[in-house]
Amino acid sequence: MQDEERDAWLRLKLTPGVGDATARKLLAAFGLPQALFAQPQSALGAVVGPALAARLQAEPEGWRELCAHTRAWLAEGEGRRHLLTLGDLDYPPELLQTEDPPLLLHVEGDLAALRHPLRLAIVGSRNPTAQGADHARAFAQTLASAGACIISGLALGIDAAAHEGALEAGGSTLAIVGTGLDLVYPKKHQALARRIAAQGALVSEYPLGTPPLAPNFPRRNRIISGLSQGVLVVEAALQSGSLITARQAAE
């Protein structure tokens, strides 16, 4: 992807008031973001209204800095860092079948892991019992040994146990995170994140620099379920993100 094209995608993502659904509506009307931003305000307004059309014609705050940061992040990755868009051939086709596919995906690690033939998610409590953590690790280890790629969210508890079980088996694992990929949350998972990037991939829909904001974590669960062919829940409260992930998988 050329710098100008990537910068246009980031501008669309950063424009205030433009969520992924509105972005997809604009892309359907005008094509790629570069063509979209070349439209007169009247044409944009006919699709999204005059207020949002005016915002689209103004540079979002911090956009140029984000573009430079993203270019540097990609260059430092030595071919193992990627920014995928809805129009990219490497974008996971399974996510296109979901109700709300993310506009962008930042990936650090092996892109092939996103197309692994068997992807299973293991999610659950951040505060599991010792038995629950052991179960998650054992399931992940056995399934990874049988050839599955294990998907989870890099959180404390069950998520970490699932990633560790897959890594211990020498298998592949994907971590779908709720921050920018230049950050690791929780911080104690720095080493685990490096191992996942080396043996699978870290994935985020959020721009670099995005901090750990509470609403981002339930939202990323739709990517976990969308990429997975099955979801195993280990110890989860009735009102929890893990059961949201399971419900989304069933849907």
C-alpha atoms as a PDB file:
ATOM      1  CA  MET A   1       0.000   0.000   0.000  1.00  0.00           C
ATOM      2  CA  GLN A   2       1.307   3.438  -0.938  1.00  0.00           C
ATOM      3  CA  ASP A   3       1.761   6.005   1.832  1.00  0.00           C
ATOM      4  CA  GLU A   4      -0.941   8.286   0.392  1.00  0.00           C
ATOM      5  CA  GLU A   5      -3.508   5.495   0.323  1.00  0.00           C
ATOM      6  CA  ARG A   6      -2.678   4.368   3.870  1.00  0.00           C
ATOM      7  CA  ASP A   7      -2.824   7.955   5.123  1.00  0.00           C
ATOM      8  CA  ALA A   8      -6.302   8.370   3.608  1.00  0.00           C
ATOM      9  CA  TRP A   9      -7.568   5.259   5.409  1.00  0.00           C
ATOM     10  CA  LEU A  10      -6.174   6.593   8.700  1.00  0.00           C
ATOM     11  CA  ARG A  11      -7.795   9.971   8.081  1.00  0.00           C
ATOM     12  CA  LEU A  12     -11.163   8.273   7.575  1.00  0.00           C
ATOM     13  CA  LYS A  13     -10.691   6.265  10.767  1.00  0.00           C
ATOM     14  CA  LEU A  14      -9.793   9.393  12.778  1.00  0.00           C
ATOM     15  CA  THR A  15     -12.553  11.686  11.494  1.00  0.00           C
ATOM     16  CA  PRO A  16     -14.812  12.543  14.468  1.00  0.00           C
ATOM     17  CA  GLY A  17     -18.292  11.106  14.115  1.00  0.00           C
ATOM     18  CA  VAL A  18     -17.322   8.602  11.440  1.00  0.00           C
ATOM     19  CA  GLY A  19     -17.656   5.118  12.858  1.00  0.00           C
ATOM     20  CA  ASP A  20     -17.011   1.958  10.896  1.00  0.00           C
ATOM     21  CA  ALA A  21     -20.629   1.708   9.678  1.00  0.00           C
ATOM     22  CA  THR A  22     -20.594   5.275   8.332  1.00  0.00           C
ATOM     23  CA  ALA A  23     -17.163   4.702   6.798  1.00  0.00           C
ATOM     24  CA  ARG A  24     -18.455   1.642   4.948  1.00  0.00           C
ATOM     25  CA  LYS A  25     -21.423   3.687   3.702  1.00  0.00           C
ATOM     26  CA  LEU A  26     -19.055   6.332   2.337  1.00  0.00           C
ATOM     27  CA  LEU A  27     -16.779   3.745   0.741  1.00  0.00           C
ATOM     28  CA  ALA A  28     -19.769   2.112  -0.949  1.00  0.00           C
ATOM     29  CA  ALA A  29     -20.740   5.493  -2.402  1.00  0.00           C
ATOM     30  CA  PHE A  30     -17.354   6.824  -3.488  1.00  0.00           C
ATOM     31  CA  GLY A  31     -14.803   4.007  -3.559  1.00  0.00           C
ATOM     32  CA  LEU A  32     -11.437   4.172  -1.819  1.00  0.00           C
ATOM     33  CA  PRO A  33     -10.772   6.911   0.773  1.00  0.00           C
ATOM     34  CA  GLN A  34      -8.590   8.948  -1.585  1.00  0.00           C
ATOM     35  CA  ALA A  35     -11.539   9.263  -3.977  1.00  0.00           C
ATOM     36  CA  LEU A  36     -13.866   9.987  -1.077  1.00  0.00           C
ATOM     37  CA  PHE A  37     -11.773  12.911   0.162  1.00  0.00           C
ATOM     38  CA  ALA A  38     -11.646  14.348  -3.351  1.00  0.00           C
ATOM     39  CA  GLN A  39     -15.445  14.782  -3.387  1.00  0.00           C
ATOM     40  CA  PRO A  40     -17.088  18.186  -2.956  1.00  0.00           C
ATOM     41  CA  GLN A  41     -18.865  18.824   0.329  1.00  0.00           C
ATOM     42  CA  SER A  42     -22.245  18.703  -1.420  1.00  0.00           C
ATOM     43  CA  ALA A  43     -21.657  15.141  -2.642  1.00  0.00           C
ATOM     44  CA  LEU A  44     -20.514  13.987   0.803  1.00  0.00           C
ATOM     45  CA  GLY A  45     -23.449  15.741   2.419  1.00  0.00           C
ATOM     46  CA  ALA A  46     -25.896  13.869   0.219  1.00  0.00           C
ATOM     47  CA  VAL A  47     -24.658  10.628   1.804  1.00  0.00           C
ATOM     48  CA  VAL A  48     -23.945  11.556   5.446  1.00  0.00           C
ATOM     49  CA  GLY A  49     -25.456  15.000   5.962  1.00  0.00           C
ATOM     50  CA  PRO A  50     -23.873  18.482   5.949  1.00  0.00           C
ATOM     51  CA  ALA A  51     -22.351  18.412   9.452  1.00  0.00           C
ATOM     52  CA  LEU A  52     -20.412  15.200   8.900  1.00  0.00           C
ATOM     53  CA  ALA A  53     -19.483  16.283   5.373  1.00  0.00           C
ATOM     54  CA  ALA A  54     -17.826  19.380   6.843  1.00  0.00           C
ATOM     55  CA  ARG A  55     -15.859  17.243   9.293  1.00  0.00           C
ATOM     56  CA  LEU A  56     -14.673  15.010   6.445  1.00  0.00           C
ATOM     57  CA  GLN A  57     -13.211  18.021   4.668  1.00  0.00           C
ATOM     58  CA  ALA A  58     -11.182  19.083   7.712  1.00  0.00           C
ATOM     59  CA  GLU A  59      -8.006  17.270   8.747  1.00  0.00           C
ATOM     60  CA  PRO A  60      -8.581  15.334  11.992  1.00  0.00           C
ATOM     61  CA  GLU A  61      -6.495  16.414  14.969  1.00  0.00           C
ATOM     62  CA  GLY A  62      -3.323  14.348  15.246  1.00  0.00           C
ATOM     63  CA  TRP A  63      -3.764  12.751  11.818  1.00  0.00           C
ATOM     64  CA  ARG A  64      -0.405  13.738  10.332  1.00  0.00           C
ATOM     65  CA  GLU A  65       1.406  12.633  13.482  1.00  0.00           C
ATOM     66  CA  LEU A  66      -0.397   9.281  13.385  1.00  0.00           C
ATOM     67  CA  CYS A  67       0.538   8.794   9.728  1.00  0.00           C
ATOM     68  CA  ALA A  68       4.221   9.383  10.503  1.00  0.00           C
ATOM     69  CA  HIS A  69       4.078   7.127  13.574  1.00  0.00           C
ATOM     70  CA  THR A  70       2.389   4.359  11.570  1.00  0.00           C
ATOM     71  CA  ARG A  71       4.957   4.558   8.771  1.00  0.00           C
ATOM     72  CA  ALA A  72       7.787   4.291  11.303  1.00  0.00           C
ATOM     73  CA  TRP A  73       6.077   1.399  13.142  1.00  0.00           C
ATOM     74  CA  LEU A  74       5.635  -0.547   9.904  1.00  0.00           C
ATOM     75  CA  ALA A  75       9.220   0.099   8.794  1.00  0.00           C
ATOM     76  CA  GLU A  76      10.624  -1.068  12.135  1.00  0.00           C
ATOM     77  CA  GLY A  77       8.730  -4.343  11.872  1.00  0.00           C
ATOM     78  CA  GLU A  78      11.031  -5.838   9.210  1.00  0.00           C
ATOM     79  CA  GLY A  79       8.099  -7.191   7.221  1.00  0.00           C
ATOM     80  CA  ARG A  80       6.180  -8.553  10.213  1.00  0.00           C
ATOM     81  CA  ARG A  81       3.987  -5.515  10.798  1.00  0.00           C
ATOM     82  CA  HIS A  82       1.009  -4.842   8.568  1.00  0.00           C
ATOM     83  CA  LEU A  83      -1.964  -2.512   8.201  1.00  0.00           C
ATOM     84  CA  LEU A  84      -4.876  -4.252   6.481  1.00  0.00           C
ATOM     85  CA  THR A  85      -7.932  -2.408   5.183  1.00  0.00           C
ATOM     86  CA  LEU A  86     -11.360  -3.562   4.042  1.00  0.00           C
ATOM     87  CA  GLY A  87     -10.066  -3.349   0.477  1.00  0.00           C
ATOM     88  CA  ASP A  88      -6.956  -5.468   1.111  1.00  0.00           C
ATOM     89  CA  LEU A  89      -6.659  -8.975  -0.347  1.00  0.00           C
ATOM     90  CA  ASP A  90      -5.139 -10.159   2.954  1.00  0.00           C
ATOM     91  CA  TYR A  91      -8.105  -8.922   4.988  1.00  0.00           C
ATOM     92  CA  PRO A  92      -9.728 -11.977   6.654  1.00  0.00           C
ATOM     93  CA  PRO A  93     -12.787 -12.911   4.561  1.00  0.00           C
ATOM     94  CA  GLU A  94     -14.586 -14.282   7.648  1.00  0.00           C
ATOM     95  CA  LEU A  95     -14.750 -10.787   9.148  1.00  0.00           C
ATOM     96  CA  LEU A  96     -16.452  -9.505   6.001  1.00  0.00           C
ATOM     97  CA  GLN A  97     -19.325 -11.862   6.833  1.00  0.00           C
ATOM     98  CA  THR A  98     -19.878 -10.277  10.254  1.00  0.00           C
ATOM     99  CA  GLU A  99     -22.340  -7.486  10.984  1.00  0.00           C
ATOM    100  CA  ASP A 100     -19.649  -4.916  11.787  1.00  0.00           C
ATOM    101  CA  PRO A 101     -16.282  -5.688  10.154  1.00  0.00           C
ATOM    102  CA  PRO A 102     -13.485  -3.384  11.352  1.00  0.00           C
ATOM    103  CA  LEU A 103     -12.311  -0.739   8.924  1.00  0.00           C
ATOM    104  CA  LEU A 104      -8.620  -1.405   9.650  1.00  0.00           C
ATOM    105  CA  LEU A 105      -6.576  -4.195  11.189  1.00  0.00           C
ATOM    106  CA  HIS A 106      -3.064  -3.650  12.538  1.00  0.00           C
ATOM    107  CA  VAL A 107      -1.183  -6.949  12.621  1.00  0.00           C
ATOM    108  CA  GLU A 108       2.180  -7.792  14.148  1.00  0.00           C
ATOM    109  CA  GLY A 109       3.470 -11.276  13.434  1.00  0.00           C
ATOM    110  CA  ASP A 110       2.558 -13.914  10.864  1.00  0.00           C
ATOM    111  CA  LEU A 111      -0.227 -12.839   8.500  1.00  0.00           C
ATOM    112  CA  ALA A 112      -0.805 -16.488   7.603  1.00  0.00           C
ATOM    113  CA  ALA A 113      -2.144 -17.083  11.123  1.00  0.00           C
ATOM    114  CA  LEU A 114      -5.221 -15.031  10.174  1.00  0.00           C
ATOM    115  CA  ARG A 115      -6.011 -17.639   7.523  1.00  0.00           C
ATOM    116  CA  HIS A 116      -5.147 -20.718   9.561  1.00  0.00           C
ATOM    117  CA  PRO A 117      -7.537 -23.509   8.474  1.00  0.00           C
ATOM    118  CA  LEU A 118      -8.768 -24.163  12.049  1.00  0.00           C
ATOM    119  CA  ARG A 119      -9.137 -21.244  14.464  1.00  0.00           C
ATOM    120  CA  LEU A 120     -10.687 -21.727  17.909  1.00  0.00           C
ATOM    121  CA  ALA A 121     -11.181 -19.091  20.604  1.00  0.00           C
ATOM    122  CA  ILE A 122     -10.753 -19.675  24.332  1.00  0.00           C
ATOM    123  CA  VAL A 123     -12.044 -16.871  26.571  1.00  0.00           C
ATOM    124  CA  GLY A 124     -13.151 -16.478  30.168  1.00  0.00           C
ATOM    125  CA  SER A 125     -12.653 -14.841  33.534  1.00  0.00           C
ATOM    126  CA  ARG A 126      -9.834 -12.453  34.356  1.00  0.00           C
ATOM    127  CA  ASN A 127      -9.920 -13.906  37.874  1.00  0.00           C
ATOM    128  CA  PRO A 128     -10.305 -17.652  37.353  1.00  0.00           C
ATOM    129  CA  THR A 129      -9.843 -20.382  39.892  1.00  0.00           C
ATOM    130  CA  ALA A 130      -6.574 -22.312  39.664  1.00  0.00           C
ATOM    131  CA  GLN A 131      -8.531 -25.203  38.181  1.00  0.00           C
ATOM    132  CA  GLY A 132     -10.100 -22.942  35.543  1.00  0.00           C
ATOM    133  CA  ALA A 133      -6.722 -21.577  34.455  1.00  0.00           C
ATOM    134  CA  ASP A 134      -5.350 -25.140  34.284  1.00  0.00           C
ATOM    135  CA  HIS A 135      -8.318 -26.226  32.159  1.00  0.00           C
ATOM    136  CA  ALA A 136      -7.846 -23.320  29.730  1.00  0.00           C
ATOM    137  CA  ARG A 137      -4.139 -24.038  29.371  1.00  0.00           C
ATOM    138  CA  ALA A 138      -4.732 -27.776  28.897  1.00  0.00           C
ATOM    139  CA  PHE A 139      -7.466 -27.273  26.293  1.00  0.00           C
ATOM    140  CA  ALA A 140      -5.286 -24.799  24.380  1.00  0.00           C
ATOM    141  CA  GLN A 141      -2.255 -27.063  24.538  1.00  0.00           C
ATOM    142  CA  THR A 142      -4.171 -30.118  23.324  1.00  0.00           C
ATOM    143  CA  LEU A 143      -6.031 -28.260  20.587  1.00  0.00           C
ATOM    144  CA  ALA A 144      -2.872 -26.517  19.364  1.00  0.00           C
ATOM    145  CA  SER A 145      -1.065 -29.866  19.330  1.00  0.00           C
ATOM    146  CA  ALA A 146      -3.868 -31.156  17.105  1.00  0.00           C
ATOM    147  CA  GLY A 147      -3.284 -28.296  14.663  1.00  0.00           C
ATOM    148  CA  ALA A 148      -5.660 -25.548  15.804  1.00  0.00           C
ATOM    149  CA  CYS A 149      -4.763 -21.872  16.059  1.00  0.00           C
ATOM    150  CA  ILE A 150      -5.896 -20.555  19.451  1.00  0.00           C
ATOM    151  CA  ILE A 151      -7.471 -17.083  19.601  1.00  0.00           C
ATOM    152  CA  SER A 152      -7.915 -15.009  22.739  1.00  0.00           C
ATOM    153  CA  GLY A 153      -7.655 -11.449  24.014  1.00  0.00           C
ATOM    154  CA  LEU A 154      -4.329 -11.179  25.929  1.00  0.00           C
ATOM    155  CA  ALA A 155      -6.219 -10.330  29.143  1.00  0.00           C
ATOM    156  CA  LEU A 156      -5.319 -11.619  32.581  1.00  0.00           C
ATOM    157  CA  GLY A 157      -6.583 -15.027  33.644  1.00  0.00           C
ATOM    158  CA  ILE A 158      -8.126 -17.379  31.092  1.00  0.00           C
ATOM    159  CA  ASP A 159      -6.889 -15.440  28.047  1.00  0.00           C
ATOM    160  CA  ALA A 160      -3.272 -15.597  29.173  1.00  0.00           C
ATOM    161  CA  ALA A 161      -3.570 -19.288  30.085  1.00  0.00           C
ATOM    162  CA  ALA A 162      -4.967 -20.048  26.614  1.00  0.00           C
ATOM    163  CA  HIS A 163      -2.161 -18.203  24.811  1.00  0.00           C
ATOM    164  CA  GLU A 164       0.454 -19.875  27.020  1.00  0.00           C
ATOM    165  CA  GLY A 165      -0.983 -23.344  26.401  1.00  0.00           C
ATOM    166  CA  ALA A 166      -0.846 -22.848  22.641  1.00  0.00           C
ATOM    167  CA  LEU A 167       2.714 -21.514  22.800  1.00  0.00           C
ATOM    168  CA  GLU A 168       3.843 -24.399  25.016  1.00  0.00           C
ATOM    169  CA  ALA A 169       2.519 -26.819  22.391  1.00  0.00           C
ATOM    170  CA  GLY A 170       4.522 -25.062  19.680  1.00  0.00           C
ATOM    171  CA  GLY A 171       1.278 -24.011  18.022  1.00  0.00           C
ATOM    172  CA  SER A 172      -0.050 -20.761  16.612  1.00  0.00           C
ATOM    173  CA  THR A 173      -2.041 -18.202  18.586  1.00  0.00           C
ATOM    174  CA  LEU A 174      -3.737 -14.887  17.818  1.00  0.00           C
ATOM    175  CA  ALA A 175      -4.221 -12.140  20.410  1.00  0.00           C
ATOM    176  CA  ILE A 176      -6.978  -9.647  19.573  1.00  0.00           C
ATOM    177  CA  VAL A 177      -6.253  -6.613  21.715  1.00  0.00           C
ATOM    178  CA  GLY A 178      -8.119  -3.459  22.756  1.00  0.00           C
ATOM    179  CA  THR A 179      -5.250  -0.975  22.453  1.00  0.00           C
ATOM    180  CA  GLY A 180      -2.931   0.248  19.732  1.00  0.00           C
ATOM    181  CA  LEU A 181      -0.284  -2.346  18.886  1.00  0.00           C
ATOM    182  CA  ASP A 182       2.497  -0.051  20.070  1.00  0.00           C
ATOM    183  CA  LEU A 183       1.155  -0.612  23.608  1.00  0.00           C
ATOM    184  CA  VAL A 184       0.728  -3.802  25.624  1.00  0.00           C
ATOM    185  CA  TYR A 185      -2.085  -4.113  28.147  1.00  0.00           C
ATOM    186  CA  PRO A 186      -1.796  -5.338  30.788  1.00  0.00           C
ATOM    187  CA  LYS A 187       1.861  -4.296  31.034  1.00  0.00           C
ATOM    188  CA  LYS A 188       2.804  -7.549  32.757  1.00  0.00           C
ATOM    189  CA  HIS A 189       2.091  -9.331  29.441  1.00  0.00           C
ATOM    190  CA  GLN A 190       4.970  -7.656  27.573  1.00  0.00           C
ATOM    191  CA  ALA A 191       6.944 -10.903  27.317  1.00  0.00           C
ATOM    192  CA  LEU A 192       3.831 -12.920  26.436  1.00  0.00           C
ATOM    193  CA  ALA A 193       2.962 -10.450  23.661  1.00  0.00           C
ATOM    194  CA  ARG A 194       6.450 -10.803  22.173  1.00  0.00           C
ATOM    195  CA  ARG A 195       6.113 -14.602  22.165  1.00  0.00           C
ATOM    196  CA  ILE A 196       2.698 -14.387  20.501  1.00  0.00           C
ATOM    197  CA  ALA A 197       4.043 -12.053  17.794  1.00  0.00           C
ATOM    198  CA  ALA A 198       6.877 -14.518  17.153  1.00  0.00           C
ATOM    199  CA  GLN A 199       4.656 -17.616  17.017  1.00  0.00           C
ATOM    200  CA  GLY A 200       1.381 -16.165  15.756  1.00  0.00           C
ATOM    201  CA  ALA A 201       0.141 -12.582  15.630  1.00  0.00           C
ATOM    202  CA  LEU A 202      -1.142  -9.614  17.614  1.00  0.00           C
ATOM    203  CA  VAL A 203      -4.179  -7.930  16.037  1.00  0.00           C
ATOM    204  CA  SER A 204      -5.904  -4.599  16.731  1.00  0.00           C
ATOM    205  CA  GLU A 205      -8.474  -2.466  14.947  1.00  0.00           C
ATOM    206  CA  TYR A 206      -7.361   0.592  16.935  1.00  0.00           C
ATOM    207  CA  PRO A 207      -4.854   3.203  15.705  1.00  0.00           C
ATOM    208  CA  LEU A 208      -1.393   3.209  17.233  1.00  0.00           C
ATOM    209  CA  GLY A 209      -1.281   5.055  20.517  1.00  0.00           C
ATOM    210  CA  THR A 210      -4.830   4.080  21.530  1.00  0.00           C
ATOM    211  CA  PRO A 211      -4.783   3.573  25.327  1.00  0.00           C
ATOM    212  CA  PRO A 212      -6.681   0.830  27.189  1.00  0.00           C
ATOM    213  CA  LEU A 213     -10.161   2.406  27.166  1.00  0.00           C
ATOM    214  CA  ALA A 214     -12.909   0.325  28.774  1.00  0.00           C
ATOM    215  CA  PRO A 215     -15.381   0.358  25.802  1.00  0.00           C
ATOM    216  CA  ASN A 216     -12.742  -1.003  23.427  1.00  0.00           C
ATOM    217  CA  PHE A 217     -12.508  -4.414  25.087  1.00  0.00           C
ATOM    218  CA  PRO A 218     -16.109  -5.616  24.654  1.00  0.00           C
ATOM    219  CA  ARG A 219     -16.020  -4.214  21.115  1.00  0.00           C
ATOM    220  CA  ARG A 220     -12.935  -6.223  20.122  1.00  0.00           C
ATOM    221  CA  ASN A 221     -14.786  -9.420  21.110  1.00  0.00           C
ATOM    222  CA  ARG A 222     -16.676  -9.378  17.798  1.00  0.00           C
ATOM    223  CA  ILE A 223     -13.309  -9.851  16.056  1.00  0.00           C
ATOM    224  CA  ILE A 224     -12.465 -12.817  18.293  1.00  0.00           C
ATOM    225  CA  SER A 225     -15.775 -14.504  17.482  1.00  0.00           C
ATOM    226  CA  GLY A 226     -15.673 -13.438  13.822  1.00  0.00           C
ATOM    227  CA  LEU A 227     -12.281 -15.031  13.216  1.00  0.00           C
ATOM    228  CA  SER A 228     -13.118 -18.206  15.141  1.00  0.00           C
ATOM    229  CA  GLN A 229     -14.874 -21.360  14.024  1.00  0.00           C
ATOM    230  CA  GLY A 230     -15.701 -22.156  17.639  1.00  0.00           C
ATOM    231  CA  VAL A 231     -15.579 -20.441  21.029  1.00  0.00           C
ATOM    232  CA  LEU A 232     -14.827 -22.183  24.340  1.00  0.00           C
ATOM    233  CA  VAL A 233     -15.752 -20.251  27.489  1.00  0.00           C
ATOM    234  CA  VAL A 234     -13.944 -21.173  30.709  1.00  0.00           C
ATOM    235  CA  GLU A 235     -15.373 -19.659  33.919  1.00  0.00           C
ATOM    236  CA  ALA A 236     -17.279 -16.484  33.047  1.00  0.00           C
ATOM    237  CA  ALA A 237     -19.784 -14.326  34.915  1.00  0.00           C
ATOM    238  CA  LEU A 238     -23.312 -14.136  33.509  1.00  0.00           C
ATOM    239  CA  GLN A 239     -22.765 -10.485  32.541  1.00  0.00           C
ATOM    240  CA  SER A 240     -19.326 -10.713  30.964  1.00  0.00           C
ATOM    241  CA  GLY A 241     -17.482 -10.005  27.752  1.00  0.00           C
ATOM    242  CA  SER A 242     -16.792 -13.723  27.407  1.00  0.00           C
ATOM    243  CA  LEU A 243     -20.486 -14.531  27.097  1.00  0.00           C
ATOM    244  CA  ILE A 244     -20.902 -11.643  24.662  1.00  0.00           C
ATOM    245  CA  THR A 245     -18.220 -13.327  22.541  1.00  0.00           C
ATOM    246  CA  ALA A 246     -20.052 -16.660  22.767  1.00  0.00           C
ATOM    247  CA  ARG A 247     -23.373 -15.057  21.818  1.00  0.00           C
ATOM    248  CA  GLN A 248     -21.778 -13.321  18.844  1.00  0.00           C
ATOM    249  CA  ALA A 249     -20.257 -16.611  17.742  1.00  0.00           C
ATOM    250  CA  ALA A 250     -23.675 -18.291  17.910  1.00  0.00           C
ATOM    251  CA  GLU A 251     -25.227 -15.465  15.911  1.00  0.00           C
END
